[in-house]
Amino acid sequence: MTPLEEEFDDAVMRAVRAGEKMGYSAARFLEMRAEHGPIETARRLMNGKQVPYGVLKLKELRRLDLSIEAIVHDNPKFQMLFPKKTLDDCRARLAKVGYIREP
């Protein structure tokens, strides 16, 4: 992994640990991360047609800031790790769940 990829993975894992402290388990994400790595897992999740369970659960907990989508959106340096389509899907999903306003 590049230093930026490692930094992204560290940010995501901090979010996972914060979610666990609130009773949210990211078990499926962790399985995917072990199989595909953090960047490919994030890309797959952000490109999905459905809003993932994890995003909905984090919304319920009022902690959308812990979602992969928010981590990417709120940290411009991580955006270079993903293609434009993924970033567009990410922004659309965050707007759909009320984290950001669609321009």
C-alpha atoms as a PDB file:
ATOM      1  CA  MET A   1       0.000   0.000   0.000  1.00  0.00           C
ATOM      2  CA  THR A   2       1.068   3.572  -0.627  1.00  0.00           C
ATOM      3  CA  PRO A   3       1.373   5.963   2.321  1.00  0.00           C
ATOM      4  CA  LEU A   4      -1.920   7.621   1.287  1.00  0.00           C
ATOM      5  CA  GLU A   5      -3.677   4.249   1.116  1.00  0.00           C
ATOM      6  CA  GLU A   6      -2.326   3.400   4.573  1.00  0.00           C
ATOM      7  CA  GLU A   7      -3.570   6.748   5.886  1.00  0.00           C
ATOM      8  CA  PHE A   8      -7.008   6.049   4.400  1.00  0.00           C
ATOM      9  CA  ASP A   9      -7.063   2.581   5.945  1.00  0.00           C
ATOM     10  CA  ASP A  10      -6.070   4.043   9.323  1.00  0.00           C
ATOM     11  CA  ALA A  11      -8.905   6.606   9.127  1.00  0.00           C
ATOM     12  CA  VAL A  12     -11.424   3.916   8.215  1.00  0.00           C
ATOM     13  CA  MET A  13     -10.262   1.602  10.990  1.00  0.00           C
ATOM     14  CA  ARG A  14     -10.538   4.448  13.537  1.00  0.00           C
ATOM     15  CA  ALA A  15     -14.134   4.888  12.355  1.00  0.00           C
ATOM     16  CA  VAL A  16     -14.749   1.133  12.693  1.00  0.00           C
ATOM     17  CA  ARG A  17     -13.454   1.183  16.272  1.00  0.00           C
ATOM     18  CA  ALA A  18     -15.584   4.244  17.101  1.00  0.00           C
ATOM     19  CA  GLY A  19     -18.640   2.452  15.693  1.00  0.00           C
ATOM     20  CA  GLU A  20     -17.879  -0.642  17.754  1.00  0.00           C
ATOM     21  CA  LYS A  21     -17.862   1.483  20.917  1.00  0.00           C
ATOM     22  CA  MET A  22     -21.440   2.488  20.061  1.00  0.00           C
ATOM     23  CA  GLY A  23     -22.497  -1.112  19.475  1.00  0.00           C
ATOM     24  CA  TYR A  24     -22.231  -1.094  15.667  1.00  0.00           C
ATOM     25  CA  SER A  25     -20.440  -4.056  14.135  1.00  0.00           C
ATOM     26  CA  ALA A  26     -18.745  -3.593  10.769  1.00  0.00           C
ATOM     27  CA  ALA A  27     -18.165  -7.343  10.414  1.00  0.00           C
ATOM     28  CA  ARG A  28     -19.126  -7.479   6.726  1.00  0.00           C
ATOM     29  CA  PHE A  29     -16.854  -4.535   5.912  1.00  0.00           C
ATOM     30  CA  LEU A  30     -13.984  -6.197   7.768  1.00  0.00           C
ATOM     31  CA  GLU A  31     -14.527  -9.443   5.824  1.00  0.00           C
ATOM     32  CA  MET A  32     -14.484  -7.527   2.541  1.00  0.00           C
ATOM     33  CA  ARG A  33     -11.399  -5.548   3.627  1.00  0.00           C
ATOM     34  CA  ALA A  34      -9.532  -8.778   4.400  1.00  0.00           C
ATOM     35  CA  GLU A  35     -10.472 -10.198   1.002  1.00  0.00           C
ATOM     36  CA  HIS A  36     -10.127  -7.150  -1.258  1.00  0.00           C
ATOM     37  CA  GLY A  37      -8.122  -4.569   0.687  1.00  0.00           C
ATOM     38  CA  PRO A  38      -9.368  -1.232   1.969  1.00  0.00           C
ATOM     39  CA  ILE A  39      -9.440   0.737  -1.293  1.00  0.00           C
ATOM     40  CA  GLU A  40     -11.235  -1.872  -3.399  1.00  0.00           C
ATOM     41  CA  THR A  41     -13.687  -2.530  -0.564  1.00  0.00           C
ATOM     42  CA  ALA A  42     -14.474   1.174  -0.253  1.00  0.00           C
ATOM     43  CA  ARG A  43     -14.888   1.466  -4.031  1.00  0.00           C
ATOM     44  CA  ARG A  44     -17.269  -1.497  -4.141  1.00  0.00           C
ATOM     45  CA  LEU A  45     -19.345  -0.155  -1.272  1.00  0.00           C
ATOM     46  CA  MET A  46     -19.539   3.372  -2.667  1.00  0.00           C
ATOM     47  CA  ASN A  47     -20.462   2.138  -6.155  1.00  0.00           C
ATOM     48  CA  GLY A  48     -23.325  -0.041  -4.944  1.00  0.00           C
ATOM     49  CA  LYS A  49     -26.818   0.788  -6.144  1.00  0.00           C
ATOM     50  CA  GLN A  50     -28.388   0.370  -2.706  1.00  0.00           C
ATOM     51  CA  VAL A  51     -27.538   2.379   0.386  1.00  0.00           C
ATOM     52  CA  PRO A  52     -25.528  -0.134   2.436  1.00  0.00           C
ATOM     53  CA  TYR A  53     -26.807  -1.347   5.786  1.00  0.00           C
ATOM     54  CA  GLY A  54     -23.810   0.248   7.479  1.00  0.00           C
ATOM     55  CA  VAL A  55     -24.660   3.715   6.186  1.00  0.00           C
ATOM     56  CA  LEU A  56     -28.271   3.331   7.300  1.00  0.00           C
ATOM     57  CA  LYS A  57     -27.180   2.109  10.722  1.00  0.00           C
ATOM     58  CA  LEU A  58     -24.721   4.979  11.125  1.00  0.00           C
ATOM     59  CA  LYS A  59     -27.482   7.405  10.146  1.00  0.00           C
ATOM     60  CA  GLU A  60     -29.698   5.872  12.825  1.00  0.00           C
ATOM     61  CA  LEU A  61     -26.863   6.358  15.327  1.00  0.00           C
ATOM     62  CA  ARG A  62     -26.396   9.944  14.071  1.00  0.00           C
ATOM     63  CA  ARG A  63     -22.793   9.160  13.130  1.00  0.00           C
ATOM     64  CA  LEU A  64     -22.739   9.326   9.351  1.00  0.00           C
ATOM     65  CA  ASP A  65     -19.321  10.928   9.770  1.00  0.00           C
ATOM     66  CA  LEU A  66     -18.021   7.402  10.430  1.00  0.00           C
ATOM     67  CA  SER A  67     -19.144   6.111   7.020  1.00  0.00           C
ATOM     68  CA  ILE A  68     -16.604   5.435   4.293  1.00  0.00           C
ATOM     69  CA  GLU A  69     -18.506   7.874   2.109  1.00  0.00           C
ATOM     70  CA  ALA A  70     -18.106  10.685   4.665  1.00  0.00           C
ATOM     71  CA  ILE A  71     -14.449   9.879   5.254  1.00  0.00           C
ATOM     72  CA  VAL A  72     -13.784  10.197   1.512  1.00  0.00           C
ATOM     73  CA  HIS A  73     -15.990  13.269   1.086  1.00  0.00           C
ATOM     74  CA  ASP A  74     -14.591  15.121   4.100  1.00  0.00           C
ATOM     75  CA  ASN A  75     -10.924  14.407   3.291  1.00  0.00           C
ATOM     76  CA  PRO A  76     -10.111  15.667  -0.221  1.00  0.00           C
ATOM     77  CA  LYS A  77      -6.708  13.968  -0.198  1.00  0.00           C
ATOM     78  CA  PHE A  78      -8.452  10.565  -0.160  1.00  0.00           C
ATOM     79  CA  GLN A  79     -10.513  11.443  -3.223  1.00  0.00           C
ATOM     80  CA  MET A  80      -7.531  10.868  -5.520  1.00  0.00           C
ATOM     81  CA  LEU A  81      -7.710   7.170  -4.568  1.00  0.00           C
ATOM     82  CA  PHE A  82     -11.040   6.732  -6.390  1.00  0.00           C
ATOM     83  CA  PRO A  83     -12.374   7.257  -9.911  1.00  0.00           C
ATOM     84  CA  LYS A  84     -14.787  10.111 -10.660  1.00  0.00           C
ATOM     85  CA  LYS A  85     -17.797   7.773 -10.914  1.00  0.00           C
ATOM     86  CA  THR A  86     -17.137   6.462  -7.415  1.00  0.00           C
ATOM     87  CA  LEU A  87     -16.848   9.996  -6.058  1.00  0.00           C
ATOM     88  CA  ASP A  88     -20.081  10.982  -7.828  1.00  0.00           C
ATOM     89  CA  ASP A  89     -21.846   7.936  -6.346  1.00  0.00           C
ATOM     90  CA  CYS A  90     -20.404   8.818  -2.943  1.00  0.00           C
ATOM     91  CA  ARG A  91     -21.730  12.387  -3.072  1.00  0.00           C
ATOM     92  CA  ALA A  92     -25.143  11.218  -4.318  1.00  0.00           C
ATOM     93  CA  ARG A  93     -25.430   8.723  -1.473  1.00  0.00           C
ATOM     94  CA  LEU A  94     -24.417  11.289   1.139  1.00  0.00           C
ATOM     95  CA  ALA A  95     -27.038  13.658  -0.241  1.00  0.00           C
ATOM     96  CA  LYS A  96     -29.653  10.894  -0.225  1.00  0.00           C
ATOM     97  CA  VAL A  97     -29.118  10.194   3.470  1.00  0.00           C
ATOM     98  CA  GLY A  98     -28.958  13.886   4.373  1.00  0.00           C
ATOM     99  CA  TYR A  99     -25.276  14.219   5.219  1.00  0.00           C
ATOM    100  CA  ILE A 100     -24.689  16.839   2.507  1.00  0.00           C
ATOM    101  CA  ARG A 101     -26.866  18.954   0.268  1.00  0.00           C
ATOM    102  CA  GLU A 102     -26.822  18.209  -3.440  1.00  0.00           C
ATOM    103  CA  PRO A 103     -25.602  21.310  -5.328  1.00  0.00           C
END
